[in-house]
PDB file of all heavy atoms in Angstrom:
ATOM      1  N   LEU A   1      -6.881 -13.319  16.905  1.00  0.00           N
ATOM      2  CA  LEU A   1      -6.826 -12.722  15.541  1.00  0.00           C
ATOM      3  C   LEU A   1      -7.148 -11.287  15.633  1.00  0.00           C
ATOM      4  O   LEU A   1      -7.956 -10.770  16.385  1.00  0.00           O
ATOM      5  CB  LEU A   1      -7.863 -13.384  14.616  1.00  0.00           C
ATOM      6  CG  LEU A   1      -7.687 -14.861  14.340  1.00  0.00           C
ATOM      7  CD1 LEU A   1      -8.899 -15.341  13.592  1.00  0.00           C
ATOM      8  CD2 LEU A   1      -6.403 -15.137  13.527  1.00  0.00           C
ATOM      9  N   ALA A   2      -6.476 -10.526  14.758  1.00  0.00           N
ATOM     10  CA  ALA A   2      -6.753  -9.085  14.534  1.00  0.00           C
ATOM     11  C   ALA A   2      -6.831  -8.835  13.076  1.00  0.00           C
ATOM     12  O   ALA A   2      -6.257  -9.551  12.240  1.00  0.00           O
ATOM     13  CB  ALA A   2      -5.682  -8.220  15.161  1.00  0.00           C
ATOM     14  N   TRP A   3      -7.536  -7.778  12.663  1.00  0.00           N
ATOM     15  CA  TRP A   3      -7.789  -7.464  11.252  1.00  0.00           C
ATOM     16  C   TRP A   3      -7.313  -6.035  10.981  1.00  0.00           C
ATOM     17  O   TRP A   3      -7.616  -5.106  11.764  1.00  0.00           O
ATOM     18  CB  TRP A   3      -9.299  -7.597  10.992  1.00  0.00           C
ATOM     19  CG  TRP A   3      -9.743  -7.039   9.688  1.00  0.00           C
ATOM     20  CD1 TRP A   3      -9.463  -7.433   8.409  1.00  0.00           C
ATOM     21  CD2 TRP A   3     -10.647  -5.922   9.459  1.00  0.00           C
ATOM     22  NE1 TRP A   3      -9.985  -6.667   7.500  1.00  0.00           N
ATOM     23  CE2 TRP A   3     -10.838  -5.733   8.076  1.00  0.00           C
ATOM     24  CE3 TRP A   3     -11.380  -5.129  10.340  1.00  0.00           C
ATOM     25  CZ2 TRP A   3     -11.624  -4.760   7.504  1.00  0.00           C
ATOM     26  CZ3 TRP A   3     -12.206  -4.092   9.812  1.00  0.00           C
ATOM     27  CH2 TRP A   3     -12.335  -3.901   8.435  1.00  0.00           C
ATOM     28  N   LEU A   4      -6.475  -5.815   9.970  1.00  0.00           N
ATOM     29  CA  LEU A   4      -6.034  -4.533   9.570  1.00  0.00           C
ATOM     30  C   LEU A   4      -7.152  -3.825   8.870  1.00  0.00           C
ATOM     31  O   LEU A   4      -7.452  -4.072   7.699  1.00  0.00           O
ATOM     32  CB  LEU A   4      -4.821  -4.590   8.720  1.00  0.00           C
ATOM     33  CG  LEU A   4      -4.166  -3.289   8.375  1.00  0.00           C
ATOM     34  CD1 LEU A   4      -3.508  -2.753   9.705  1.00  0.00           C
ATOM     35  CD2 LEU A   4      -3.076  -3.381   7.312  1.00  0.00           C
ATOM     36  N   ALA A   5      -7.843  -2.890   9.591  1.00  0.00           N
ATOM     37  CA  ALA A   5      -9.028  -2.214   9.072  1.00  0.00           C
ATOM     38  C   ALA A   5      -8.672  -1.383   7.870  1.00  0.00           C
ATOM     39  O   ALA A   5      -7.822  -0.498   7.881  1.00  0.00           O
ATOM     40  CB  ALA A   5      -9.593  -1.346  10.211  1.00  0.00           C
ATOM     41  N   GLY A   6      -9.379  -1.676   6.799  1.00  0.00           N
ATOM     42  CA  GLY A   6      -9.169  -0.922   5.564  1.00  0.00           C
ATOM     43  C   GLY A   6      -8.000  -1.341   4.712  1.00  0.00           C
ATOM     44  O   GLY A   6      -7.821  -0.950   3.562  1.00  0.00           O
ATOM     45  N   GLY A   7      -7.170  -2.300   5.292  1.00  0.00           N
ATOM     46  CA  GLY A   7      -6.062  -2.862   4.545  1.00  0.00           C
ATOM     47  C   GLY A   7      -4.949  -1.834   4.335  1.00  0.00           C
ATOM     48  O   GLY A   7      -4.921  -0.716   4.916  1.00  0.00           O
ATOM     49  N   PHE A   8      -3.935  -2.253   3.656  1.00  0.00           N
ATOM     50  CA  PHE A   8      -2.683  -1.465   3.388  1.00  0.00           C
ATOM     51  C   PHE A   8      -3.014  -0.155   2.677  1.00  0.00           C
ATOM     52  O   PHE A   8      -2.273   0.789   2.787  1.00  0.00           O
ATOM     53  CB  PHE A   8      -1.645  -2.244   2.629  1.00  0.00           C
ATOM     54  CG  PHE A   8      -1.024  -3.440   3.372  1.00  0.00           C
ATOM     55  CD1 PHE A   8      -1.047  -4.647   2.857  1.00  0.00           C
ATOM     56  CD2 PHE A   8      -0.501  -3.185   4.655  1.00  0.00           C
ATOM     57  CE1 PHE A   8      -0.527  -5.732   3.548  1.00  0.00           C
ATOM     58  CE2 PHE A   8       0.107  -4.243   5.379  1.00  0.00           C
ATOM     59  CZ  PHE A   8       0.053  -5.597   4.769  1.00  0.00           C
ATOM     60  N   SER A   9      -4.084  -0.158   1.898  1.00  0.00           N
ATOM     61  CA  SER A   9      -4.411   1.100   1.125  1.00  0.00           C
ATOM     62  C   SER A   9      -4.755   2.253   2.085  1.00  0.00           C
ATOM     63  O   SER A   9      -4.690   3.359   1.598  1.00  0.00           O
ATOM     64  CB  SER A   9      -5.578   0.777   0.223  1.00  0.00           C
ATOM     65  OG  SER A   9      -6.838   0.570   0.985  1.00  0.00           O
ATOM     66  N   LYS A  10      -5.053   2.042   3.324  1.00  0.00           N
ATOM     67  CA  LYS A  10      -5.363   3.096   4.296  1.00  0.00           C
ATOM     68  C   LYS A  10      -4.164   3.513   5.024  1.00  0.00           C
ATOM     69  O   LYS A  10      -4.293   4.399   5.900  1.00  0.00           O
ATOM     70  CB  LYS A  10      -6.465   2.664   5.225  1.00  0.00           C
ATOM     71  CG  LYS A  10      -7.801   2.293   4.531  1.00  0.00           C
ATOM     72  CD  LYS A  10      -8.471   3.475   3.783  1.00  0.00           C
ATOM     73  CE  LYS A  10      -9.743   3.166   3.193  1.00  0.00           C
ATOM     74  NZ  LYS A  10     -10.334   4.341   2.418  1.00  0.00           N
ATOM     75  N   CYS A  11      -3.023   2.850   4.823  1.00  0.00           N
ATOM     76  CA  CYS A  11      -1.839   3.218   5.636  1.00  0.00           C
ATOM     77  C   CYS A  11      -1.196   4.489   5.121  1.00  0.00           C
ATOM     78  O   CYS A  11      -1.370   4.810   4.017  1.00  0.00           O
ATOM     79  CB  CYS A  11      -0.867   2.059   5.728  1.00  0.00           C
ATOM     80  SG  CYS A  11       0.065   1.735   4.294  1.00  0.00           S
ATOM     81  N   ALA A  12      -0.382   5.079   5.984  1.00  0.00           N
ATOM     82  CA  ALA A  12       0.375   6.280   5.583  1.00  0.00           C
ATOM     83  C   ALA A  12       1.840   5.931   5.667  1.00  0.00           C
ATOM     84  O   ALA A  12       2.148   4.935   6.304  1.00  0.00           O
ATOM     85  CB  ALA A  12       0.003   7.474   6.475  1.00  0.00           C
ATOM     86  N   ASP A  13       2.712   6.803   5.102  1.00  0.00           N
ATOM     87  CA  ASP A  13       4.101   6.548   5.227  1.00  0.00           C
ATOM     88  C   ASP A  13       4.442   6.480   6.732  1.00  0.00           C
ATOM     89  O   ASP A  13       4.104   7.376   7.505  1.00  0.00           O
ATOM     90  CB  ASP A  13       4.864   7.720   4.529  1.00  0.00           C
ATOM     91  CG  ASP A  13       4.630   7.706   3.022  1.00  0.00           C
ATOM     92  OD1 ASP A  13       4.136   6.689   2.513  1.00  0.00           O
ATOM     93  OD2 ASP A  13       4.983   8.755   2.387  1.00  0.00           O
ATOM     94  N   GLY A  14       5.220   5.481   7.046  1.00  0.00           N
ATOM     95  CA  GLY A  14       5.694   5.390   8.446  1.00  0.00           C
ATOM     96  C   GLY A  14       4.886   4.539   9.350  1.00  0.00           C
ATOM     97  O   GLY A  14       5.273   4.150  10.453  1.00  0.00           O
ATOM     98  N   ASP A  15       3.619   4.109   8.863  1.00  0.00           N
ATOM     99  CA  ASP A  15       2.771   3.236   9.673  1.00  0.00           C
ATOM    100  C   ASP A  15       3.527   1.919   9.896  1.00  0.00           C
ATOM    101  O   ASP A  15       3.357   1.225  10.958  1.00  0.00           O
ATOM    102  CB  ASP A  15       1.444   3.053   9.052  1.00  0.00           C
ATOM    103  CG  ASP A  15       0.500   4.273   9.235  1.00  0.00           C
ATOM    104  OD1 ASP A  15       0.807   5.128  10.010  1.00  0.00           O
ATOM    105  OD2 ASP A  15      -0.500   4.339   8.544  1.00  0.00           O
ATOM    106  N   PHE A  16       4.212   1.454   8.869  1.00  0.00           N
ATOM    107  CA  PHE A  16       5.014   0.267   8.966  1.00  0.00           C
ATOM    108  C   PHE A  16       6.441   0.597   8.718  1.00  0.00           C
ATOM    109  O   PHE A  16       6.752   1.178   7.660  1.00  0.00           O
ATOM    110  CB  PHE A  16       4.510  -0.814   7.897  1.00  0.00           C
ATOM    111  CG  PHE A  16       3.181  -1.334   8.288  1.00  0.00           C
ATOM    112  CD1 PHE A  16       2.058  -0.707   7.652  1.00  0.00           C
ATOM    113  CD2 PHE A  16       2.948  -2.438   9.056  1.00  0.00           C
ATOM    114  CE1 PHE A  16       0.805  -1.209   7.906  1.00  0.00           C
ATOM    115  CE2 PHE A  16       1.701  -2.963   9.258  1.00  0.00           C
ATOM    116  CZ  PHE A  16       0.625  -2.314   8.765  1.00  0.00           C
ATOM    117  N   ALA A  17       7.299   0.255   9.661  1.00  0.00           N
ATOM    118  CA  ALA A  17       8.659   0.791   9.661  1.00  0.00           C
ATOM    119  C   ALA A  17       9.554   0.263   8.562  1.00  0.00           C
ATOM    120  O   ALA A  17      10.441   0.987   8.053  1.00  0.00           O
ATOM    121  CB  ALA A  17       9.352   0.555  11.045  1.00  0.00           C
ATOM    122  N   ASP A  18       9.356  -1.010   8.236  1.00  0.00           N
ATOM    123  CA  ASP A  18      10.297  -1.590   7.238  1.00  0.00           C
ATOM    124  C   ASP A  18       9.619  -2.220   6.070  1.00  0.00           C
ATOM    125  O   ASP A  18       9.207  -3.299   5.988  1.00  0.00           O
ATOM    126  CB  ASP A  18      11.070  -2.696   7.967  1.00  0.00           C
ATOM    127  CG  ASP A  18      12.338  -3.129   7.258  1.00  0.00           C
ATOM    128  OD1 ASP A  18      12.651  -2.574   6.226  1.00  0.00           O
ATOM    129  OD2 ASP A  18      13.078  -3.992   7.843  1.00  0.00           O
ATOM    130  N   VAL A  19       9.362  -1.288   5.088  1.00  0.00           N
ATOM    131  CA  VAL A  19       8.665  -1.658   3.811  1.00  0.00           C
ATOM    132  C   VAL A  19       9.642  -1.831   2.690  1.00  0.00           C
ATOM    133  O   VAL A  19      10.579  -1.036   2.541  1.00  0.00           O
ATOM    134  CB  VAL A  19       7.594  -0.591   3.466  1.00  0.00           C
ATOM    135  CG1 VAL A  19       6.982  -0.912   2.162  1.00  0.00           C
ATOM    136  CG2 VAL A  19       6.594  -0.411   4.600  1.00  0.00           C
ATOM    137  N   GLU A  20       9.515  -2.913   1.931  1.00  0.00           N
ATOM    138  CA  GLU A  20      10.391  -3.167   0.825  1.00  0.00           C
ATOM    139  C   GLU A  20       9.591  -3.327  -0.401  1.00  0.00           C
ATOM    140  O   GLU A  20       8.382  -3.724  -0.369  1.00  0.00           O
ATOM    141  CB  GLU A  20      11.225  -4.412   1.067  1.00  0.00           C
ATOM    142  CG  GLU A  20      10.420  -5.656   1.401  1.00  0.00           C
ATOM    143  CD  GLU A  20      11.338  -6.789   1.765  1.00  0.00           C
ATOM    144  OE1 GLU A  20      12.542  -6.703   1.689  1.00  0.00           O
ATOM    145  OE2 GLU A  20      10.799  -7.898   2.204  1.00  0.00           O
ATOM    146  N   GLY A  21      10.206  -3.025  -1.608  1.00  0.00           N
ATOM    147  CA  GLY A  21       9.519  -3.120  -2.849  1.00  0.00           C
ATOM    148  C   GLY A  21       9.632  -1.801  -3.635  1.00  0.00           C
ATOM    149  O   GLY A  21      10.058  -0.733  -3.062  1.00  0.00           O
ATOM    150  N   GLU A  22       9.081  -1.815  -4.866  1.00  0.00           N
ATOM    151  CA  GLU A  22       9.211  -0.647  -5.704  1.00  0.00           C
ATOM    152  C   GLU A  22       8.152   0.395  -5.527  1.00  0.00           C
ATOM    153  O   GLU A  22       8.252   1.568  -5.929  1.00  0.00           O
ATOM    154  CB  GLU A  22       9.219  -1.055  -7.163  1.00  0.00           C
ATOM    155  CG  GLU A  22       7.882  -1.711  -7.562  1.00  0.00           C
ATOM    156  CD  GLU A  22       7.819  -2.225  -9.065  1.00  0.00           C
ATOM    157  OE1 GLU A  22       8.868  -2.332  -9.592  1.00  0.00           O
ATOM    158  OE2 GLU A  22       6.733  -2.513  -9.467  1.00  0.00           O
ATOM    159  N   SER A  23       7.036   0.052  -4.785  1.00  0.00           N
ATOM    160  CA  SER A  23       5.941   0.918  -4.637  1.00  0.00           C
ATOM    161  C   SER A  23       5.740   1.269  -3.173  1.00  0.00           C
ATOM    162  O   SER A  23       6.259   0.564  -2.306  1.00  0.00           O
ATOM    163  CB  SER A  23       4.652   0.278  -5.232  1.00  0.00           C
ATOM    164  OG  SER A  23       3.481   0.881  -4.784  1.00  0.00           O
ATOM    165  N   LYS A  24       5.011   2.335  -2.877  1.00  0.00           N
ATOM    166  CA  LYS A  24       4.525   2.504  -1.541  1.00  0.00           C
ATOM    167  C   LYS A  24       3.511   1.494  -1.209  1.00  0.00           C
ATOM    168  O   LYS A  24       2.744   0.984  -2.027  1.00  0.00           O
ATOM    169  CB  LYS A  24       3.928   3.886  -1.391  1.00  0.00           C
ATOM    170  CG  LYS A  24       4.868   5.068  -1.429  1.00  0.00           C
ATOM    171  CD  LYS A  24       4.187   6.370  -1.012  1.00  0.00           C
ATOM    172  CE  LYS A  24       5.190   7.504  -1.051  1.00  0.00           C
ATOM    173  NZ  LYS A  24       4.576   8.777  -0.616  1.00  0.00           N
ATOM    174  N   LEU A  25       3.435   1.104   0.067  1.00  0.00           N
ATOM    175  CA  LEU A  25       2.562   0.016   0.466  1.00  0.00           C
ATOM    176  C   LEU A  25       1.171   0.340   0.186  1.00  0.00           C
ATOM    177  O   LEU A  25       0.343  -0.628  -0.218  1.00  0.00           O
ATOM    178  CB  LEU A  25       2.752  -0.232   2.011  1.00  0.00           C
ATOM    179  CG  LEU A  25       2.183  -1.479   2.580  1.00  0.00           C
ATOM    180  CD1 LEU A  25       2.758  -2.698   1.917  1.00  0.00           C
ATOM    181  CD2 LEU A  25       2.515  -1.525   4.093  1.00  0.00           C
ATOM    182  N   GLN A  26       0.706   1.587   0.328  1.00  0.00           N
ATOM    183  CA  GLN A  26      -0.685   1.940   0.124  1.00  0.00           C
ATOM    184  C   GLN A  26      -1.108   1.914  -1.380  1.00  0.00           C
ATOM    185  O   GLN A  26      -2.182   1.938  -1.744  1.00  0.00           O
ATOM    186  CB  GLN A  26      -0.983   3.290   0.691  1.00  0.00           C
ATOM    187  CG  GLN A  26      -0.104   4.483   0.197  1.00  0.00           C
ATOM    188  CD  GLN A  26       1.044   4.621   1.218  1.00  0.00           C
ATOM    189  OE1 GLN A  26       1.719   3.698   1.586  1.00  0.00           O
ATOM    190  NE2 GLN A  26       1.252   5.939   1.508  1.00  0.00           N
ATOM    191  N   TYR A  27      -0.032   1.776  -2.275  1.00  0.00           N
ATOM    192  CA  TYR A  27      -0.342   1.774  -3.720  1.00  0.00           C
ATOM    193  C   TYR A  27      -0.096   0.408  -4.374  1.00  0.00           C
ATOM    194  O   TYR A  27      -0.227   0.271  -5.531  1.00  0.00           O
ATOM    195  CB  TYR A  27       0.475   2.839  -4.446  1.00  0.00           C
ATOM    196  CG  TYR A  27       0.264   4.273  -3.999  1.00  0.00           C
ATOM    197  CD1 TYR A  27       1.291   5.166  -4.003  1.00  0.00           C
ATOM    198  CD2 TYR A  27      -0.993   4.690  -3.600  1.00  0.00           C
ATOM    199  CE1 TYR A  27       1.114   6.468  -3.586  1.00  0.00           C
ATOM    200  CE2 TYR A  27      -1.262   5.976  -3.164  1.00  0.00           C
ATOM    201  CZ  TYR A  27      -0.186   6.909  -3.179  1.00  0.00           C
ATOM    202  OH  TYR A  27      -0.336   8.188  -2.788  1.00  0.00           O
ATOM    203  N   ALA A  28       0.187  -0.554  -3.546  1.00  0.00           N
ATOM    204  CA  ALA A  28       0.621  -1.850  -4.059  1.00  0.00           C
ATOM    205  C   ALA A  28      -0.507  -2.582  -4.784  1.00  0.00           C
ATOM    206  O   ALA A  28      -0.188  -3.512  -5.540  1.00  0.00           O
ATOM    207  CB  ALA A  28       1.217  -2.738  -2.973  1.00  0.00           C
ATOM    208  N   THR A  29      -1.702  -2.301  -4.445  1.00  0.00           N
ATOM    209  CA  THR A  29      -2.837  -2.995  -5.124  1.00  0.00           C
ATOM    210  C   THR A  29      -3.134  -2.454  -6.558  1.00  0.00           C
ATOM    211  O   THR A  29      -3.906  -2.995  -7.297  1.00  0.00           O
ATOM    212  CB  THR A  29      -4.109  -2.952  -4.288  1.00  0.00           C
ATOM    213  OG1 THR A  29      -4.442  -1.557  -4.117  1.00  0.00           O
ATOM    214  CG2 THR A  29      -3.967  -3.528  -2.949  1.00  0.00           C
ATOM    215  N   ILE A  30      -2.492  -1.382  -6.890  1.00  0.00           N
ATOM    216  CA  ILE A  30      -2.779  -0.659  -8.132  1.00  0.00           C
ATOM    217  C   ILE A  30      -1.837  -1.156  -9.161  1.00  0.00           C
ATOM    218  O   ILE A  30      -0.631  -1.169  -8.991  1.00  0.00           O
ATOM    219  CB  ILE A  30      -2.638   0.869  -7.961  1.00  0.00           C
ATOM    220  CG1 ILE A  30      -3.531   1.403  -6.839  1.00  0.00           C
ATOM    221  CG2 ILE A  30      -2.951   1.643  -9.269  1.00  0.00           C
ATOM    222  CD1 ILE A  30      -3.387   2.839  -6.513  1.00  0.00           C
ATOM    223  N   GLY A  31      -2.417  -1.568 -10.289  1.00  0.00           N
ATOM    224  CA  GLY A  31      -1.620  -2.035 -11.457  1.00  0.00           C
ATOM    225  C   GLY A  31      -2.248  -1.705 -12.741  1.00  0.00           C
ATOM    226  O   GLY A  31      -3.310  -0.929 -12.804  1.00  0.00           O
ATOM    227  N   GLY A  32      -1.737  -2.250 -13.854  1.00  0.00           N
ATOM    228  CA  GLY A  32      -2.328  -2.077 -15.118  1.00  0.00           C
ATOM    229  C   GLY A  32      -2.350  -0.590 -15.529  1.00  0.00           C
ATOM    230  O   GLY A  32      -1.484   0.216 -15.212  1.00  0.00           O
ATOM    231  N   ALA A  33      -3.411  -0.184 -16.273  1.00  0.00           N
ATOM    232  CA  ALA A  33      -3.561   1.183 -16.692  1.00  0.00           C
ATOM    233  C   ALA A  33      -3.662   2.128 -15.472  1.00  0.00           C
ATOM    234  O   ALA A  33      -3.274   3.305 -15.495  1.00  0.00           O
ATOM    235  CB  ALA A  33      -4.872   1.370 -17.538  1.00  0.00           C
ATOM    236  N   SER A  34      -4.297   1.643 -14.348  1.00  0.00           N
ATOM    237  CA  SER A  34      -4.381   2.429 -13.163  1.00  0.00           C
ATOM    238  C   SER A  34      -3.043   2.842 -12.592  1.00  0.00           C
ATOM    239  O   SER A  34      -2.857   3.958 -12.086  1.00  0.00           O
ATOM    240  CB  SER A  34      -5.226   1.655 -12.078  1.00  0.00           C
ATOM    241  OG  SER A  34      -6.460   1.416 -12.476  1.00  0.00           O
ATOM    242  N   TYR A  35      -2.085   1.888 -12.729  1.00  0.00           N
ATOM    243  CA  TYR A  35      -0.709   2.226 -12.257  1.00  0.00           C
ATOM    244  C   TYR A  35      -0.102   3.309 -13.088  1.00  0.00           C
ATOM    245  O   TYR A  35       0.533   4.195 -12.475  1.00  0.00           O
ATOM    246  CB  TYR A  35       0.140   0.938 -12.325  1.00  0.00           C
ATOM    247  CG  TYR A  35       1.568   1.159 -11.791  1.00  0.00           C
ATOM    248  CD1 TYR A  35       1.771   1.184 -10.430  1.00  0.00           C
ATOM    249  CD2 TYR A  35       2.563   1.200 -12.658  1.00  0.00           C
ATOM    250  CE1 TYR A  35       3.091   1.348  -9.954  1.00  0.00           C
ATOM    251  CE2 TYR A  35       3.893   1.462 -12.194  1.00  0.00           C
ATOM    252  CZ  TYR A  35       4.136   1.469 -10.801  1.00  0.00           C
ATOM    253  OH  TYR A  35       5.409   1.678 -10.319  1.00  0.00           O
ATOM    254  N   ILE A  36      -0.264   3.284 -14.361  1.00  0.00           N
ATOM    255  CA  ILE A  36       0.307   4.353 -15.221  1.00  0.00           C
ATOM    256  C   ILE A  36      -0.327   5.663 -14.849  1.00  0.00           C
ATOM    257  O   ILE A  36       0.355   6.811 -14.760  1.00  0.00           O
ATOM    258  CB  ILE A  36       0.012   4.016 -16.691  1.00  0.00           C
ATOM    259  CG1 ILE A  36       0.733   2.761 -17.074  1.00  0.00           C
ATOM    260  CG2 ILE A  36       0.442   5.217 -17.606  1.00  0.00           C
ATOM    261  CD1 ILE A  36       0.375   2.252 -18.466  1.00  0.00           C
ATOM    262  N   PHE A  37      -1.673   5.700 -14.599  1.00  0.00           N
ATOM    263  CA  PHE A  37      -2.378   6.938 -14.249  1.00  0.00           C
ATOM    264  C   PHE A  37      -1.854   7.377 -12.904  1.00  0.00           C
ATOM    265  O   PHE A  37      -1.627   8.561 -12.689  1.00  0.00           O
ATOM    266  CB  PHE A  37      -3.910   6.643 -14.130  1.00  0.00           C
ATOM    267  CG  PHE A  37      -4.690   7.842 -13.825  1.00  0.00           C
ATOM    268  CD1 PHE A  37      -4.660   8.932 -14.677  1.00  0.00           C
ATOM    269  CD2 PHE A  37      -5.504   7.878 -12.742  1.00  0.00           C
ATOM    270  CE1 PHE A  37      -5.454  10.102 -14.393  1.00  0.00           C
ATOM    271  CE2 PHE A  37      -6.347   8.940 -12.463  1.00  0.00           C
ATOM    272  CZ  PHE A  37      -6.274  10.047 -13.260  1.00  0.00           C
ATOM    273  N   LEU A  38      -1.583   6.476 -11.947  1.00  0.00           N
ATOM    274  CA  LEU A  38      -1.077   6.856 -10.622  1.00  0.00           C
ATOM    275  C   LEU A  38       0.326   7.494 -10.807  1.00  0.00           C
ATOM    276  O   LEU A  38       0.601   8.523 -10.154  1.00  0.00           O
ATOM    277  CB  LEU A  38      -0.959   5.621  -9.731  1.00  0.00           C
ATOM    278  CG  LEU A  38      -0.187   5.822  -8.421  1.00  0.00           C
ATOM    279  CD1 LEU A  38      -0.968   6.788  -7.546  1.00  0.00           C
ATOM    280  CD2 LEU A  38       0.012   4.452  -7.693  1.00  0.00           C
TER     281      LEU A  38
END
């Protein structure tokens, strides 16, 4: 087993080559009013 230290929120563009979805991976945990602010 290995653990991604700090989670996806600590990643930068390019750390993972093939990302899909409407958001950047590091911002995917952000939703609700926080997402609007972002």
